[in-house]
Amino acid sequence: TADAPFRGVPFIVKDLNAALEGTPMSNGNRALRDANYVA
C-alpha cells in the first residue's frame, strides 16, 4: 500500500466499544466472552 503515517506499527484496541469488523469483543463481560461475540 501507499505510505501512511503509522504504516505497519503494531497496535491494540481496548476491549470496550472499539469495534473492529470481524474480530471478537467482550467489553469485559463474561456472557459476551462465552458467546464469542464478533463485531
PDB file of all heavy atoms in Angstrom:
ATOM      1  N   THR A   1       0.829  -1.207   0.000  1.00  0.00           N
ATOM      2  CA  THR A   1       0.000   0.000   0.000  1.00  0.00           C
ATOM      3  C   THR A   1       0.860   1.250   0.000  1.00  0.00           C
ATOM      4  O   THR A   1       2.049   1.214   0.323  1.00  0.00           O
ATOM      5  CB  THR A   1      -0.918   0.022   1.236  1.00  0.00           C
ATOM      6  OG1 THR A   1      -0.115  -0.006   2.423  1.00  0.00           O
ATOM      7  CG2 THR A   1      -1.854  -1.157   1.234  1.00  0.00           C
ATOM      8  N   ALA A   2       0.220   2.352  -0.361  1.00  0.00           N
ATOM      9  CA  ALA A   2       0.898   3.641  -0.289  1.00  0.00           C
ATOM     10  C   ALA A   2       1.242   3.949   1.157  1.00  0.00           C
ATOM     11  O   ALA A   2       0.612   3.428   2.084  1.00  0.00           O
ATOM     12  CB  ALA A   2      -0.008   4.727  -0.866  1.00  0.00           C
ATOM     13  N   ASP A   3       2.242   4.796   1.329  1.00  0.00           N
ATOM     14  CA  ASP A   3       2.694   5.088   2.684  1.00  0.00           C
ATOM     15  C   ASP A   3       1.572   5.744   3.489  1.00  0.00           C
ATOM     16  O   ASP A   3       0.748   6.486   2.965  1.00  0.00           O
ATOM     17  CB  ASP A   3       3.915   6.000   2.641  1.00  0.00           C
ATOM     18  CG  ASP A   3       4.765   5.870   3.888  1.00  0.00           C
ATOM     19  OD1 ASP A   3       4.581   4.885   4.621  1.00  0.00           O
ATOM     20  OD2 ASP A   3       5.604   6.757   4.113  1.00  0.00           O
ATOM     21  N   ALA A   4       1.534   5.421   4.782  1.00  0.00           N
ATOM     22  CA  ALA A   4       0.592   6.013   5.718  1.00  0.00           C
ATOM     23  C   ALA A   4       1.381   6.389   6.964  1.00  0.00           C
ATOM     24  O   ALA A   4       2.463   5.835   7.205  1.00  0.00           O
ATOM     25  CB  ALA A   4      -0.521   5.014   6.058  1.00  0.00           C
ATOM     26  N   PRO A   5       0.898   7.331   7.762  1.00  0.00           N
ATOM     27  CA  PRO A   5       1.708   7.848   8.879  1.00  0.00           C
ATOM     28  C   PRO A   5       2.250   6.772   9.818  1.00  0.00           C
ATOM     29  O   PRO A   5       3.372   6.898  10.312  1.00  0.00           O
ATOM     30  CB  PRO A   5       0.739   8.785   9.598  1.00  0.00           C
ATOM     31  CG  PRO A   5      -0.263   9.182   8.575  1.00  0.00           C
ATOM     32  CD  PRO A   5      -0.399   8.014   7.657  1.00  0.00           C
ATOM     33  N   PHE A   6       1.451   5.725  10.073  1.00  0.00           N
ATOM     34  CA  PHE A   6       1.880   4.681  11.003  1.00  0.00           C
ATOM     35  C   PHE A   6       1.839   3.305  10.333  1.00  0.00           C
ATOM     36  O   PHE A   6       1.493   2.313  10.969  1.00  0.00           O
ATOM     37  CB  PHE A   6       1.009   4.714  12.256  1.00  0.00           C
ATOM     38  CG  PHE A   6       1.273   5.909  13.141  1.00  0.00           C
ATOM     39  CD1 PHE A   6       0.440   7.022  13.085  1.00  0.00           C
ATOM     40  CD2 PHE A   6       2.360   5.922  13.987  1.00  0.00           C
ATOM     41  CE1 PHE A   6       0.702   8.129  13.873  1.00  0.00           C
ATOM     42  CE2 PHE A   6       2.629   7.030  14.782  1.00  0.00           C
ATOM     43  CZ  PHE A   6       1.795   8.135  14.734  1.00  0.00           C
ATOM     44  N   ARG A   7       2.254   3.266   9.090  1.00  0.00           N
ATOM     45  CA  ARG A   7       2.164   2.024   8.323  1.00  0.00           C
ATOM     46  C   ARG A   7       2.941   0.901   8.999  1.00  0.00           C
ATOM     47  O   ARG A   7       4.141   0.981   9.209  1.00  0.00           O
ATOM     48  CB  ARG A   7       2.686   2.238   6.902  1.00  0.00           C
ATOM     49  CG  ARG A   7       2.543   1.008   6.004  1.00  0.00           C
ATOM     50  CD  ARG A   7       2.717   1.373   4.544  1.00  0.00           C
ATOM     51  NE  ARG A   7       4.084   1.752   4.236  1.00  0.00           N
ATOM     52  CZ  ARG A   7       4.987   0.934   3.677  1.00  0.00           C
ATOM     53  NH1 ARG A   7       4.652  -0.309   3.386  1.00  0.00           N
ATOM     54  NH2 ARG A   7       6.195   1.372   3.412  1.00  0.00           N
ATOM     55  N   GLY A   8       2.202  -0.166   9.363  1.00  0.00           N
ATOM     56  CA  GLY A   8       2.817  -1.355   9.910  1.00  0.00           C
ATOM     57  C   GLY A   8       3.088  -1.350  11.395  1.00  0.00           C
ATOM     58  O   GLY A   8       3.567  -2.350  11.934  1.00  0.00           O
ATOM     59  N   VAL A   9       2.806  -0.251  12.074  1.00  0.00           N
ATOM     60  CA  VAL A   9       3.079  -0.195  13.517  1.00  0.00           C
ATOM     61  C   VAL A   9       2.061  -1.066  14.254  1.00  0.00           C
ATOM     62  O   VAL A   9       0.852  -0.893  14.088  1.00  0.00           O
ATOM     63  CB  VAL A   9       3.022   1.253  14.036  1.00  0.00           C
ATOM     64  CG1 VAL A   9       3.176   1.284  15.556  1.00  0.00           C
ATOM     65  CG2 VAL A   9       4.108   2.090  13.369  1.00  0.00           C
ATOM     66  N   PRO A  10       2.506  -2.017  15.086  1.00  0.00           N
ATOM     67  CA  PRO A  10       1.570  -2.890  15.809  1.00  0.00           C
ATOM     68  C   PRO A  10       0.813  -2.117  16.884  1.00  0.00           C
ATOM     69  O   PRO A  10       1.370  -1.234  17.540  1.00  0.00           O
ATOM     70  CB  PRO A  10       2.478  -3.957  16.421  1.00  0.00           C
ATOM     71  CG  PRO A  10       3.835  -3.350  16.476  1.00  0.00           C
ATOM     72  CD  PRO A  10       3.904  -2.384  15.331  1.00  0.00           C
ATOM     73  N   PHE A  11      -0.453  -2.489  17.060  1.00  0.00           N
ATOM     74  CA  PHE A  11      -1.360  -1.675  17.876  1.00  0.00           C
ATOM     75  C   PHE A  11      -2.432  -2.592  18.433  1.00  0.00           C
ATOM     76  O   PHE A  11      -2.771  -3.621  17.828  1.00  0.00           O
ATOM     77  CB  PHE A  11      -1.999  -0.619  16.958  1.00  0.00           C
ATOM     78  CG  PHE A  11      -2.730   0.509  17.643  1.00  0.00           C
ATOM     79  CD1 PHE A  11      -2.042   1.495  18.319  1.00  0.00           C
ATOM     80  CD2 PHE A  11      -4.116   0.602  17.564  1.00  0.00           C
ATOM     81  CE1 PHE A  11      -2.715   2.559  18.908  1.00  0.00           C
ATOM     82  CE2 PHE A  11      -4.797   1.657  18.142  1.00  0.00           C
ATOM     83  CZ  PHE A  11      -4.093   2.648  18.820  1.00  0.00           C
ATOM     84  N   ILE A  12      -2.948  -2.266  19.610  1.00  0.00           N
ATOM     85  CA  ILE A  12      -4.122  -2.962  20.141  1.00  0.00           C
ATOM     86  C   ILE A  12      -5.198  -1.950  20.471  1.00  0.00           C
ATOM     87  O   ILE A  12      -4.906  -0.772  20.714  1.00  0.00           O
ATOM     88  CB  ILE A  12      -3.796  -3.825  21.386  1.00  0.00           C
ATOM     89  CG1 ILE A  12      -3.277  -2.949  22.535  1.00  0.00           C
ATOM     90  CG2 ILE A  12      -2.820  -4.940  21.039  1.00  0.00           C
ATOM     91  CD1 ILE A  12      -3.117  -3.711  23.846  1.00  0.00           C
ATOM     92  N   VAL A  13      -6.439  -2.407  20.456  1.00  0.00           N
ATOM     93  CA  VAL A  13      -7.567  -1.572  20.849  1.00  0.00           C
ATOM     94  C   VAL A  13      -8.150  -2.104  22.153  1.00  0.00           C
ATOM     95  O   VAL A  13      -8.032  -3.289  22.467  1.00  0.00           O
ATOM     96  CB  VAL A  13      -8.659  -1.505  19.762  1.00  0.00           C
ATOM     97  CG1 VAL A  13      -8.161  -0.708  18.567  1.00  0.00           C
ATOM     98  CG2 VAL A  13      -9.116  -2.888  19.327  1.00  0.00           C
ATOM     99  N   LYS A  14      -8.753  -1.237  22.893  1.00  0.00           N
ATOM    100  CA  LYS A  14      -9.335  -1.594  24.177  1.00  0.00           C
ATOM    101  C   LYS A  14     -10.541  -2.515  23.980  1.00  0.00           C
ATOM    102  O   LYS A  14     -11.323  -2.339  23.038  1.00  0.00           O
ATOM    103  CB  LYS A  14      -9.756  -0.310  24.892  1.00  0.00           C
ATOM    104  CG  LYS A  14     -10.327  -0.476  26.293  1.00  0.00           C
ATOM    105  CD  LYS A  14     -10.619   0.891  26.881  1.00  0.00           C
ATOM    106  CE  LYS A  14     -11.234   0.804  28.261  1.00  0.00           C
ATOM    107  NZ  LYS A  14     -11.468   2.162  28.837  1.00  0.00           N
ATOM    108  N   ASP A  15     -10.691  -3.449  24.904  1.00  0.00           N
ATOM    109  CA  ASP A  15     -11.837  -4.368  24.843  1.00  0.00           C
ATOM    110  C   ASP A  15     -13.066  -3.694  25.445  1.00  0.00           C
ATOM    111  O   ASP A  15     -13.643  -4.158  26.420  1.00  0.00           O
ATOM    112  CB  ASP A  15     -11.506  -5.664  25.583  1.00  0.00           C
ATOM    113  CG  ASP A  15     -12.595  -6.720  25.402  1.00  0.00           C
ATOM    114  OD1 ASP A  15     -13.384  -6.606  24.443  1.00  0.00           O
ATOM    115  OD2 ASP A  15     -12.662  -7.646  26.229  1.00  0.00           O
ATOM    116  N   LEU A  16     -13.442  -2.578  24.849  1.00  0.00           N
ATOM    117  CA  LEU A  16     -14.629  -1.845  25.284  1.00  0.00           C
ATOM    118  C   LEU A  16     -15.077  -0.921  24.152  1.00  0.00           C
ATOM    119  O   LEU A  16     -14.440   0.110  23.899  1.00  0.00           O
ATOM    120  CB  LEU A  16     -14.343  -1.038  26.551  1.00  0.00           C
ATOM    121  CG  LEU A  16     -15.535  -0.285  27.152  1.00  0.00           C
ATOM    122  CD1 LEU A  16     -16.607  -1.257  27.629  1.00  0.00           C
ATOM    123  CD2 LEU A  16     -15.100   0.613  28.310  1.00  0.00           C
ATOM    124  N   ASN A  17     -16.112  -1.321  23.455  1.00  0.00           N
ATOM    125  CA  ASN A  17     -16.777  -0.482  22.451  1.00  0.00           C
ATOM    126  C   ASN A  17     -15.972  -0.241  21.172  1.00  0.00           C
ATOM    127  O   ASN A  17     -16.549   0.253  20.195  1.00  0.00           O
ATOM    128  CB  ASN A  17     -17.171   0.881  23.040  1.00  0.00           C
ATOM    129  CG  ASN A  17     -18.140   0.749  24.195  1.00  0.00           C
ATOM    130  OD1 ASN A  17     -19.090  -0.035  24.146  1.00  0.00           O
ATOM    131  ND2 ASN A  17     -17.897   1.511  25.266  1.00  0.00           N
ATOM    132  N   ALA A  18     -14.687  -0.550  21.160  1.00  0.00           N
ATOM    133  CA  ALA A  18     -13.852  -0.253  19.989  1.00  0.00           C
ATOM    134  C   ALA A  18     -14.024  -1.367  18.963  1.00  0.00           C
ATOM    135  O   ALA A  18     -13.169  -2.244  18.809  1.00  0.00           O
ATOM    136  CB  ALA A  18     -12.388  -0.104  20.397  1.00  0.00           C
ATOM    137  N   ALA A  19     -15.125  -1.325  18.237  1.00  0.00           N
ATOM    138  CA  ALA A  19     -15.461  -2.405  17.306  1.00  0.00           C
ATOM    139  C   ALA A  19     -14.534  -2.399  16.101  1.00  0.00           C
ATOM    140  O   ALA A  19     -14.308  -1.355  15.483  1.00  0.00           O
ATOM    141  CB  ALA A  19     -16.908  -2.274  16.857  1.00  0.00           C
ATOM    142  N   LEU A  20     -13.999  -3.576  15.768  1.00  0.00           N
ATOM    143  CA  LEU A  20     -13.247  -3.809  14.537  1.00  0.00           C
ATOM    144  C   LEU A  20     -13.903  -4.980  13.836  1.00  0.00           C
ATOM    145  O   LEU A  20     -13.922  -6.096  14.360  1.00  0.00           O
ATOM    146  CB  LEU A  20     -11.779  -4.123  14.844  1.00  0.00           C
ATOM    147  CG  LEU A  20     -10.917  -4.540  13.639  1.00  0.00           C
ATOM    148  CD1 LEU A  20     -10.838  -3.410  12.613  1.00  0.00           C
ATOM    149  CD2 LEU A  20      -9.524  -4.944  14.094  1.00  0.00           C
ATOM    150  N   GLU A  21     -14.482  -4.712  12.689  1.00  0.00           N
ATOM    151  CA  GLU A  21     -15.287  -5.722  11.996  1.00  0.00           C
ATOM    152  C   GLU A  21     -14.540  -7.050  11.857  1.00  0.00           C
ATOM    153  O   GLU A  21     -13.389  -7.097  11.440  1.00  0.00           O
ATOM    154  CB  GLU A  21     -15.685  -5.206  10.618  1.00  0.00           C
ATOM    155  CG  GLU A  21     -16.627  -6.134   9.862  1.00  0.00           C
ATOM    156  CD  GLU A  21     -17.098  -5.551   8.543  1.00  0.00           C
ATOM    157  OE1 GLU A  21     -16.626  -4.456   8.171  1.00  0.00           O
ATOM    158  OE2 GLU A  21     -17.947  -6.189   7.895  1.00  0.00           O
ATOM    159  N   GLY A  22     -15.220  -8.120  12.243  1.00  0.00           N
ATOM    160  CA  GLY A  22     -14.670  -9.453  12.104  1.00  0.00           C
ATOM    161  C   GLY A  22     -13.807  -9.926  13.254  1.00  0.00           C
ATOM    162  O   GLY A  22     -13.230 -11.006  13.191  1.00  0.00           O
ATOM    163  N   THR A  23     -13.731  -9.136  14.328  1.00  0.00           N
ATOM    164  CA  THR A  23     -12.907  -9.522  15.479  1.00  0.00           C
ATOM    165  C   THR A  23     -13.770  -9.619  16.736  1.00  0.00           C
ATOM    166  O   THR A  23     -14.791  -8.940  16.871  1.00  0.00           O
ATOM    167  CB  THR A  23     -11.775  -8.510  15.732  1.00  0.00           C
ATOM    168  OG1 THR A  23     -12.331  -7.257  16.150  1.00  0.00           O
ATOM    169  CG2 THR A  23     -10.943  -8.312  14.484  1.00  0.00           C
ATOM    170  N   PRO A  24     -13.352 -10.451  17.693  1.00  0.00           N
ATOM    171  CA  PRO A  24     -14.137 -10.619  18.920  1.00  0.00           C
ATOM    172  C   PRO A  24     -14.009  -9.419  19.851  1.00  0.00           C
ATOM    173  O   PRO A  24     -13.014  -8.690  19.818  1.00  0.00           O
ATOM    174  CB  PRO A  24     -13.522 -11.876  19.555  1.00  0.00           C
ATOM    175  CG  PRO A  24     -12.123 -11.904  19.039  1.00  0.00           C
ATOM    176  CD  PRO A  24     -12.179 -11.339  17.649  1.00  0.00           C
ATOM    177  N   MET A  25     -15.024  -9.233  20.679  1.00  0.00           N
ATOM    178  CA  MET A  25     -15.061  -8.139  21.643  1.00  0.00           C
ATOM    179  C   MET A  25     -15.980  -8.560  22.785  1.00  0.00           C
ATOM    180  O   MET A  25     -17.073  -9.066  22.545  1.00  0.00           O
ATOM    181  CB  MET A  25     -15.571  -6.853  20.978  1.00  0.00           C
ATOM    182  CG  MET A  25     -15.623  -5.636  21.892  1.00  0.00           C
ATOM    183  SD  MET A  25     -16.021  -4.109  20.966  1.00  0.00           S
ATOM    184  CE  MET A  25     -17.736  -4.419  20.506  1.00  0.00           C
ATOM    185  N   SER A  26     -15.535  -8.366  24.028  1.00  0.00           N
ATOM    186  CA  SER A  26     -16.358  -8.784  25.164  1.00  0.00           C
ATOM    187  C   SER A  26     -16.812  -7.645  26.049  1.00  0.00           C
ATOM    188  O   SER A  26     -17.679  -7.841  26.906  1.00  0.00           O
ATOM    189  CB  SER A  26     -15.590  -9.802  26.027  1.00  0.00           C
ATOM    190  OG  SER A  26     -14.634  -9.155  26.857  1.00  0.00           O
ATOM    191  N   ASN A  27     -16.221  -6.449  25.918  1.00  0.00           N
ATOM    192  CA  ASN A  27     -16.497  -5.337  26.839  1.00  0.00           C
ATOM    193  C   ASN A  27     -16.269  -5.745  28.295  1.00  0.00           C
ATOM    194  O   ASN A  27     -16.877  -5.200  29.208  1.00  0.00           O
ATOM    195  CB  ASN A  27     -17.923  -4.807  26.646  1.00  0.00           C
ATOM    196  CG  ASN A  27     -18.116  -4.140  25.301  1.00  0.00           C
ATOM    197  OD1 ASN A  27     -17.149  -3.715  24.662  1.00  0.00           O
ATOM    198  ND2 ASN A  27     -19.347  -4.054  24.836  1.00  0.00           N
ATOM    199  N   GLY A  28     -15.384  -6.732  28.500  1.00  0.00           N
ATOM    200  CA  GLY A  28     -15.093  -7.212  29.845  1.00  0.00           C
ATOM    201  C   GLY A  28     -16.186  -8.062  30.459  1.00  0.00           C
ATOM    202  O   GLY A  28     -16.130  -8.374  31.655  1.00  0.00           O
ATOM    203  N   ASN A  29     -17.152  -8.480  29.663  1.00  0.00           N
ATOM    204  CA  ASN A  29     -18.334  -9.188  30.154  1.00  0.00           C
ATOM    205  C   ASN A  29     -18.236 -10.679  29.840  1.00  0.00           C
ATOM    206  O   ASN A  29     -17.965 -11.063  28.704  1.00  0.00           O
ATOM    207  CB  ASN A  29     -19.583  -8.582  29.511  1.00  0.00           C
ATOM    208  CG  ASN A  29     -20.843  -9.361  29.804  1.00  0.00           C
ATOM    209  OD1 ASN A  29     -21.327 -10.095  28.948  1.00  0.00           O
ATOM    210  ND2 ASN A  29     -21.369  -9.218  31.002  1.00  0.00           N
ATOM    211  N   ARG A  30     -18.491 -11.519  30.830  1.00  0.00           N
ATOM    212  CA  ARG A  30     -18.326 -12.970  30.635  1.00  0.00           C
ATOM    213  C   ARG A  30     -19.361 -13.544  29.672  1.00  0.00           C
ATOM    214  O   ARG A  30     -19.066 -14.502  28.952  1.00  0.00           O
ATOM    215  CB  ARG A  30     -18.370 -13.699  31.981  1.00  0.00           C
ATOM    216  CG  ARG A  30     -19.612 -13.483  32.814  1.00  0.00           C
ATOM    217  CD  ARG A  30     -19.550 -14.277  34.114  1.00  0.00           C
ATOM    218  NE  ARG A  30     -20.680 -13.947  34.977  1.00  0.00           N
ATOM    219  CZ  ARG A  30     -20.621 -13.046  35.957  1.00  0.00           C
ATOM    220  NH1 ARG A  30     -19.486 -12.403  36.196  1.00  0.00           N
ATOM    221  NH2 ARG A  30     -21.682 -12.786  36.695  1.00  0.00           N
ATOM    222  N   ALA A  31     -20.576 -12.982  29.635  1.00  0.00           N
ATOM    223  CA  ALA A  31     -21.597 -13.513  28.728  1.00  0.00           C
ATOM    224  C   ALA A  31     -21.204 -13.268  27.271  1.00  0.00           C
ATOM    225  O   ALA A  31     -21.337 -14.157  26.416  1.00  0.00           O
ATOM    226  CB  ALA A  31     -22.953 -12.896  29.037  1.00  0.00           C
ATOM    227  N   LEU A  32     -20.698 -12.064  26.960  1.00  0.00           N
ATOM    228  CA  LEU A  32     -20.233 -11.788  25.603  1.00  0.00           C
ATOM    229  C   LEU A  32     -19.013 -12.632  25.266  1.00  0.00           C
ATOM    230  O   LEU A  32     -18.875 -13.123  24.142  1.00  0.00           O
ATOM    231  CB  LEU A  32     -19.913 -10.303  25.440  1.00  0.00           C
ATOM    232  CG  LEU A  32     -21.104  -9.353  25.292  1.00  0.00           C
ATOM    233  CD1 LEU A  32     -20.618  -7.914  25.256  1.00  0.00           C
ATOM    234  CD2 LEU A  32     -21.918  -9.671  24.050  1.00  0.00           C
ATOM    235  N   ARG A  33     -18.127 -12.810  26.235  1.00  0.00           N
ATOM    236  CA  ARG A  33     -16.961 -13.667  26.012  1.00  0.00           C
ATOM    237  C   ARG A  33     -17.404 -15.093  25.669  1.00  0.00           C
ATOM    238  O   ARG A  33     -16.947 -15.686  24.690  1.00  0.00           O
ATOM    239  CB  ARG A  33     -16.085 -13.675  27.264  1.00  0.00           C
ATOM    240  CG  ARG A  33     -14.854 -14.566  27.183  1.00  0.00           C
ATOM    241  CD  ARG A  33     -14.399 -14.993  28.573  1.00  0.00           C
ATOM    242  NE  ARG A  33     -15.422 -15.800  29.253  1.00  0.00           N
ATOM    243  CZ  ARG A  33     -15.373 -16.142  30.540  1.00  0.00           C
ATOM    244  NH1 ARG A  33     -14.362 -15.735  31.302  1.00  0.00           N
ATOM    245  NH2 ARG A  33     -16.332 -16.875  31.078  1.00  0.00           N
ATOM    246  N   ASP A  34     -18.305 -15.623  26.488  1.00  0.00           N
ATOM    247  CA  ASP A  34     -18.734 -17.015  26.293  1.00  0.00           C
ATOM    248  C   ASP A  34     -19.530 -17.196  25.002  1.00  0.00           C
ATOM    249  O   ASP A  34     -19.531 -18.278  24.410  1.00  0.00           O
ATOM    250  CB  ASP A  34     -19.559 -17.483  27.491  1.00  0.00           C
ATOM    251  CG  ASP A  34     -18.736 -17.585  28.758  1.00  0.00           C
ATOM    252  OD1 ASP A  34     -17.492 -17.543  28.672  1.00  0.00           O
ATOM    253  OD2 ASP A  34     -19.337 -17.680  29.853  1.00  0.00           O
ATOM    254  N   ALA A  35     -20.213 -16.132  24.575  1.00  0.00           N
ATOM    255  CA  ALA A  35     -20.984 -16.201  23.333  1.00  0.00           C
ATOM    256  C   ALA A  35     -20.105 -16.020  22.096  1.00  0.00           C
ATOM    257  O   ALA A  35     -20.592 -16.114  20.965  1.00  0.00           O
ATOM    258  CB  ALA A  35     -22.085 -15.143  23.348  1.00  0.00           C
ATOM    259  N   ASN A  36     -18.811 -15.723  22.318  1.00  0.00           N
ATOM    260  CA  ASN A  36     -17.884 -15.475  21.201  1.00  0.00           C
ATOM    261  C   ASN A  36     -18.412 -14.391  20.271  1.00  0.00           C
ATOM    262  O   ASN A  36     -18.405 -14.531  19.049  1.00  0.00           O
ATOM    263  CB  ASN A  36     -17.614 -16.764  20.418  1.00  0.00           C
ATOM    264  CG  ASN A  36     -16.916 -17.820  21.250  1.00  0.00           C
ATOM    265  OD1 ASN A  36     -15.953 -17.515  21.954  1.00  0.00           O
ATOM    266  ND2 ASN A  36     -17.416 -19.041  21.206  1.00  0.00           N
ATOM    267  N   TYR A  37     -18.859 -13.292  20.892  1.00  0.00           N
ATOM    268  CA  TYR A  37     -19.388 -12.176  20.099  1.00  0.00           C
ATOM    269  C   TYR A  37     -18.309 -11.631  19.166  1.00  0.00           C
ATOM    270  O   TYR A  37     -17.166 -11.386  19.578  1.00  0.00           O
ATOM    271  CB  TYR A  37     -19.893 -11.061  21.017  1.00  0.00           C
ATOM    272  CG  TYR A  37     -20.288  -9.821  20.255  1.00  0.00           C
ATOM    273  CD1 TYR A  37     -21.521  -9.741  19.610  1.00  0.00           C
ATOM    274  CD2 TYR A  37     -19.406  -8.753  20.139  1.00  0.00           C
ATOM    275  CE1 TYR A  37     -21.871  -8.613  18.876  1.00  0.00           C
ATOM    276  CE2 TYR A  37     -19.742  -7.622  19.414  1.00  0.00           C
ATOM    277  CZ  TYR A  37     -20.980  -7.564  18.781  1.00  0.00           C
ATOM    278  OH  TYR A  37     -21.313  -6.453  18.049  1.00  0.00           O
ATOM    279  N   VAL A  38     -18.672 -11.418  17.911  1.00  0.00           N
ATOM    280  CA  VAL A  38     -17.764 -10.856  16.909  1.00  0.00           C
ATOM    281  C   VAL A  38     -18.417  -9.610  16.316  1.00  0.00           C
ATOM    282  O   VAL A  38     -19.585  -9.646  15.898  1.00  0.00           O
ATOM    283  CB  VAL A  38     -17.465 -11.881  15.792  1.00  0.00           C
ATOM    284  CG1 VAL A  38     -16.654 -11.238  14.669  1.00  0.00           C
ATOM    285  CG2 VAL A  38     -16.702 -13.072  16.376  1.00  0.00           C
ATOM    286  N   ALA A  39     -17.688  -8.517  16.293  1.00  0.00           N
ATOM    287  CA  ALA A  39     -18.232  -7.253  15.787  1.00  0.00           C
ATOM    288  C   ALA A  39     -18.515  -7.350  14.294  1.00  0.00           C
ATOM    289  O   ALA A  39     -17.703  -7.903  13.529  1.00  0.00           O
ATOM    290  CB  ALA A  39     -17.249  -6.120  16.053  1.00  0.00           C
TER     291      ALA A  39
END
